[in-house]
Amino acid sequence: MSDRREPRPKRGDLDAVFAAIETSERGPLGWLRSRRSRSRLAAALIAAALVPVAVFLAVPRRDLPLYAAGRMALALILMAATLAALAARALRRLDHLDRTPWADAALLAGAGLVTWSVALLPQAHAAAPPGDLVRAAAKCLAFGALTGAPVAAALLALDRVGSRRTLAEAILAGAVAGNLALQLHCPIVDVPHLVVGHALLVPLAAAAFALGWRLSRRLRAP
């Protein structure tokens, strides 16, 4: 028996295959999915950048003069880097051998680690805690979900595979984007609020994905 491996598809071959998507799926969606991986990633990152920019311009946090610039920059850089890594992994080229199969689990864990680390830092400045922790946290969770949803939707629209892995990474990227938007919007610096109303969005998104995937499999089962 020959031990030769099957040859990997060449980049040109895959480009030709995926270019056919444009004709099979008419309209902007088919055109976007037929682009090369770098172009799709650039489009996803632009969409992801527009969300925090819009939040900062439309509804910026009121305590910016009191918030340390270095700490703000560190939080934004950590979350933006995590978001970019999730997007790059979700939209990675299929003609390259995956030499880092552990990267998926590492990125999913990293999304939680970064957002929880930012939330658990010592209080940024002196301020009274919110009167109603649950109500304030619920508002922030809703805001984070709404601002993160377009990022997840953009990644899913640009995805060619539709696998469980890419779906999970798109949803987690949306949760990180929601945290990034909250960092620019929410003036509450109380640590319990940041944990319950901001960082909790990531595990909630992961739980929603796991539950939704399991339910969809049961519904598809004969």
Protein backbone atom coordinates (compact mmCIF):
# COMPACT_ATOMS: atom_id res chain seq x y z
CA MET A 1 0.00 0.00 0.00
CA SER A 2 1.36 3.41 -0.95
CA ASP A 3 2.01 5.79 1.91
CA ARG A 4 1.93 8.87 -0.26
CA ARG A 5 -0.31 11.61 0.97
CA GLU A 6 -3.02 13.13 -1.15
CA PRO A 7 -1.74 16.36 -2.70
CA ARG A 8 -3.09 19.52 -1.18
CA PRO A 9 -5.23 21.65 -3.49
CA LYS A 10 -3.33 24.54 -4.99
CA ARG A 11 -4.25 28.11 -4.28
CA GLY A 12 -5.30 28.69 -7.88
CA ASP A 13 -7.54 25.65 -7.83
CA LEU A 14 -9.33 26.81 -4.70
CA ASP A 15 -9.66 30.33 -6.02
CA ALA A 16 -11.36 28.93 -9.10
CA VAL A 17 -13.67 26.78 -7.02
CA PHE A 18 -14.68 29.61 -4.73
CA ALA A 19 -15.01 32.03 -7.61
CA ALA A 20 -17.90 29.82 -8.74
CA ILE A 21 -19.72 30.81 -5.57
CA GLU A 22 -20.22 34.26 -7.03
CA THR A 23 -22.29 32.81 -9.85
CA SER A 24 -24.13 30.26 -7.72
CA GLU A 25 -24.90 32.82 -5.01
CA ARG A 26 -25.99 35.96 -6.77
CA GLY A 27 -25.56 39.36 -5.21
CA PRO A 28 -23.10 40.95 -2.77
CA LEU A 29 -22.90 37.88 -0.50
CA GLY A 30 -21.71 35.61 -3.28
CA TRP A 31 -19.26 38.24 -4.48
CA LEU A 32 -17.80 38.67 -0.99
CA ARG A 33 -17.41 34.95 -0.39
CA SER A 34 -15.64 34.51 -3.72
CA ARG A 35 -12.85 36.92 -2.76
CA ARG A 36 -9.45 35.72 -1.59
CA SER A 37 -8.86 35.12 2.10
CA ARG A 38 -6.85 38.31 2.61
CA SER A 39 -9.56 40.42 1.02
CA ARG A 40 -12.28 38.79 3.10
CA LEU A 41 -10.24 39.26 6.28
CA ALA A 42 -9.63 42.92 5.43
CA ALA A 43 -13.36 43.43 4.90
CA ALA A 44 -14.14 41.74 8.23
CA LEU A 45 -11.59 43.86 10.11
CA ILE A 46 -12.95 47.05 8.56
CA ALA A 47 -16.46 46.08 9.64
CA ALA A 48 -15.14 45.27 13.13
CA ALA A 49 -13.34 48.64 13.35
CA LEU A 50 -16.43 50.60 12.33
CA VAL A 51 -18.36 49.43 15.40
CA PRO A 52 -16.10 50.91 18.12
CA VAL A 53 -15.51 54.02 16.03
CA ALA A 54 -19.27 54.56 15.74
CA VAL A 55 -19.70 53.99 19.47
CA PHE A 56 -16.90 56.41 20.34
CA LEU A 57 -18.32 59.12 18.08
CA ALA A 58 -21.99 58.64 18.95
CA VAL A 59 -22.10 57.55 22.60
CA PRO A 60 -18.63 57.88 24.21
CA ARG A 61 -18.14 57.21 27.90
CA ARG A 62 -18.55 60.29 30.11
CA ASP A 63 -15.55 59.62 32.33
CA LEU A 64 -12.84 59.72 29.65
CA PRO A 65 -11.05 62.71 31.27
CA LEU A 66 -10.71 60.64 34.47
CA TYR A 67 -9.70 57.36 32.84
CA ALA A 68 -5.97 56.69 32.53
CA ALA A 69 -4.97 56.82 28.87
CA GLY A 70 -2.42 54.00 29.22
CA ARG A 71 -4.93 51.67 30.81
CA MET A 72 -7.52 52.48 28.14
CA ALA A 73 -4.99 51.85 25.37
CA LEU A 74 -3.94 48.53 26.92
CA ALA A 75 -7.54 47.30 27.18
CA LEU A 76 -8.37 48.32 23.62
CA ILE A 77 -5.19 46.79 22.18
CA LEU A 78 -5.71 43.47 23.97
CA MET A 79 -9.32 43.17 22.85
CA ALA A 80 -8.62 44.36 19.30
CA ALA A 81 -5.76 41.85 18.94
CA THR A 82 -7.97 39.02 20.21
CA LEU A 83 -10.73 40.02 17.83
CA ALA A 84 -8.33 40.17 14.87
CA ALA A 85 -6.87 36.76 15.74
CA LEU A 86 -10.34 35.19 15.93
CA ALA A 87 -11.29 36.74 12.60
CA ALA A 88 -8.07 35.58 10.93
CA ARG A 89 -8.56 32.05 12.21
CA ALA A 90 -12.20 31.90 11.13
CA LEU A 91 -11.36 33.11 7.61
CA ARG A 92 -8.02 31.34 7.20
CA ARG A 93 -6.95 29.96 3.83
CA LEU A 94 -8.01 26.39 3.17
CA ASP A 95 -5.08 25.56 0.88
CA HIS A 96 -2.62 25.73 3.78
CA LEU A 97 -2.00 22.72 5.98
CA ASP A 98 -3.23 23.48 9.50
CA ARG A 99 -0.13 23.05 11.64
CA THR A 100 -1.74 24.55 14.75
CA PRO A 101 -4.94 22.59 15.45
CA TRP A 102 -4.69 23.73 19.05
CA ALA A 103 -5.14 27.36 17.98
CA ASP A 104 -8.94 27.14 17.99
CA ALA A 105 -9.17 26.17 21.65
CA ALA A 106 -6.41 28.64 22.56
CA LEU A 107 -8.22 31.53 20.88
CA LEU A 108 -11.56 30.69 22.46
CA ALA A 109 -9.90 30.53 25.88
CA GLY A 110 -7.97 33.71 25.11
CA ALA A 111 -11.17 35.60 24.38
CA GLY A 112 -12.39 34.87 27.89
CA LEU A 113 -9.00 35.49 29.47
CA VAL A 114 -8.57 38.94 27.92
CA THR A 115 -12.05 40.24 28.66
CA TRP A 116 -12.05 38.91 32.24
CA SER A 117 -8.55 40.24 32.89
CA VAL A 118 -9.62 43.73 31.81
CA ALA A 119 -12.72 43.53 34.00
CA LEU A 120 -10.82 42.32 37.07
CA LEU A 121 -8.22 45.08 37.07
CA PRO A 122 -8.40 47.41 40.08
CA GLN A 123 -11.04 50.12 39.78
CA ALA A 124 -9.87 52.74 37.30
CA HIS A 125 -10.83 55.77 39.39
CA ALA A 126 -12.97 56.72 42.34
CA ALA A 127 -16.67 56.42 41.52
CA ALA A 128 -19.85 55.25 43.19
CA PRO A 129 -21.08 51.78 42.17
CA PRO A 130 -24.33 51.54 40.19
CA GLY A 131 -27.45 51.59 42.30
CA ASP A 132 -28.90 48.43 40.79
CA LEU A 133 -26.16 46.02 39.74
CA VAL A 134 -28.44 43.60 37.89
CA ARG A 135 -30.27 46.29 35.92
CA ALA A 136 -27.09 48.11 34.93
CA ALA A 137 -25.40 44.84 33.96
CA ALA A 138 -28.38 43.77 31.86
CA LYS A 139 -28.29 47.05 29.94
CA CYS A 140 -24.59 46.63 29.22
CA LEU A 141 -25.00 43.00 28.17
CA ALA A 142 -27.72 44.07 25.74
CA PHE A 143 -25.54 46.90 24.42
CA GLY A 144 -22.58 44.56 24.00
CA ALA A 145 -24.70 41.96 22.21
CA LEU A 146 -26.17 44.55 19.84
CA THR A 147 -22.80 46.08 18.98
CA GLY A 148 -21.07 42.72 18.65
CA ALA A 149 -23.74 41.15 16.46
CA PRO A 150 -22.72 43.02 13.27
CA VAL A 151 -19.14 41.77 13.66
CA ALA A 152 -20.27 38.16 14.05
CA ALA A 153 -22.66 38.57 11.12
CA ALA A 154 -19.89 39.97 8.92
CA LEU A 155 -17.61 37.01 9.68
CA LEU A 156 -20.39 34.52 8.99
CA ALA A 157 -21.26 36.29 5.74
CA LEU A 158 -17.62 36.08 4.62
CA ASP A 159 -17.12 32.47 5.75
CA ARG A 160 -16.85 29.83 3.04
CA VAL A 161 -16.95 26.76 5.26
CA GLY A 162 -19.91 27.02 7.63
CA SER A 163 -18.32 24.65 10.12
CA ARG A 164 -18.83 24.45 13.86
CA ARG A 165 -15.36 25.91 14.37
CA THR A 166 -15.90 29.01 12.25
CA LEU A 167 -19.34 29.60 13.74
CA ALA A 168 -17.92 29.47 17.26
CA GLU A 169 -15.07 31.82 16.39
CA ALA A 170 -17.43 34.30 14.71
CA ILE A 171 -19.75 34.37 17.74
CA LEU A 172 -16.85 34.78 20.18
CA ALA A 173 -15.38 37.52 18.00
CA GLY A 174 -18.72 39.30 18.24
CA ALA A 175 -18.65 38.99 22.03
CA VAL A 176 -15.14 40.46 22.16
CA ALA A 177 -16.25 43.27 19.84
CA GLY A 178 -19.14 43.94 22.22
CA ASN A 179 -16.70 44.22 25.12
CA LEU A 180 -14.55 46.59 23.09
CA ALA A 181 -17.58 48.78 22.39
CA LEU A 182 -18.53 48.72 26.08
CA GLN A 183 -15.02 49.81 27.02
CA LEU A 184 -15.59 52.95 24.95
CA HIS A 185 -19.15 53.55 26.10
CA CYS A 186 -19.81 52.48 29.68
CA PRO A 187 -18.58 54.91 32.39
CA ILE A 188 -19.10 52.45 35.26
CA VAL A 189 -15.76 51.33 36.73
CA ASP A 190 -17.13 49.16 39.53
CA VAL A 191 -15.44 45.75 39.22
CA PRO A 192 -18.56 43.63 39.93
CA HIS A 193 -20.38 45.51 37.16
CA LEU A 194 -17.50 44.99 34.72
CA VAL A 195 -17.55 41.26 35.46
CA VAL A 196 -21.31 40.74 35.30
CA GLY A 197 -22.16 43.33 32.67
CA HIS A 198 -19.12 43.15 30.38
CA ALA A 199 -16.89 40.08 30.71
CA LEU A 200 -19.85 37.73 31.22
CA LEU A 201 -20.85 38.37 27.62
CA VAL A 202 -18.13 36.00 26.37
CA PRO A 203 -19.16 32.87 28.33
CA LEU A 204 -22.81 33.68 27.65
CA ALA A 205 -22.07 33.78 23.93
CA ALA A 206 -20.17 30.49 24.17
CA ALA A 207 -23.05 28.89 26.07
CA ALA A 208 -25.60 30.18 23.55
CA PHE A 209 -23.53 28.76 20.70
CA ALA A 210 -23.17 25.35 22.38
CA LEU A 211 -26.89 25.17 23.15
CA GLY A 212 -27.91 26.32 19.69
CA TRP A 213 -25.57 23.86 17.98
CA ARG A 214 -26.87 20.96 20.06
CA LEU A 215 -30.49 21.89 19.39
CA SER A 216 -29.86 22.22 15.66
CA ARG A 217 -28.28 18.75 15.56
CA ARG A 218 -31.26 17.27 17.35
CA LEU A 219 -33.65 18.94 14.95
CA ARG A 220 -31.70 17.62 11.95
CA ALA A 221 -31.49 14.09 13.39
CA PRO A 222 -33.90 11.56 11.78
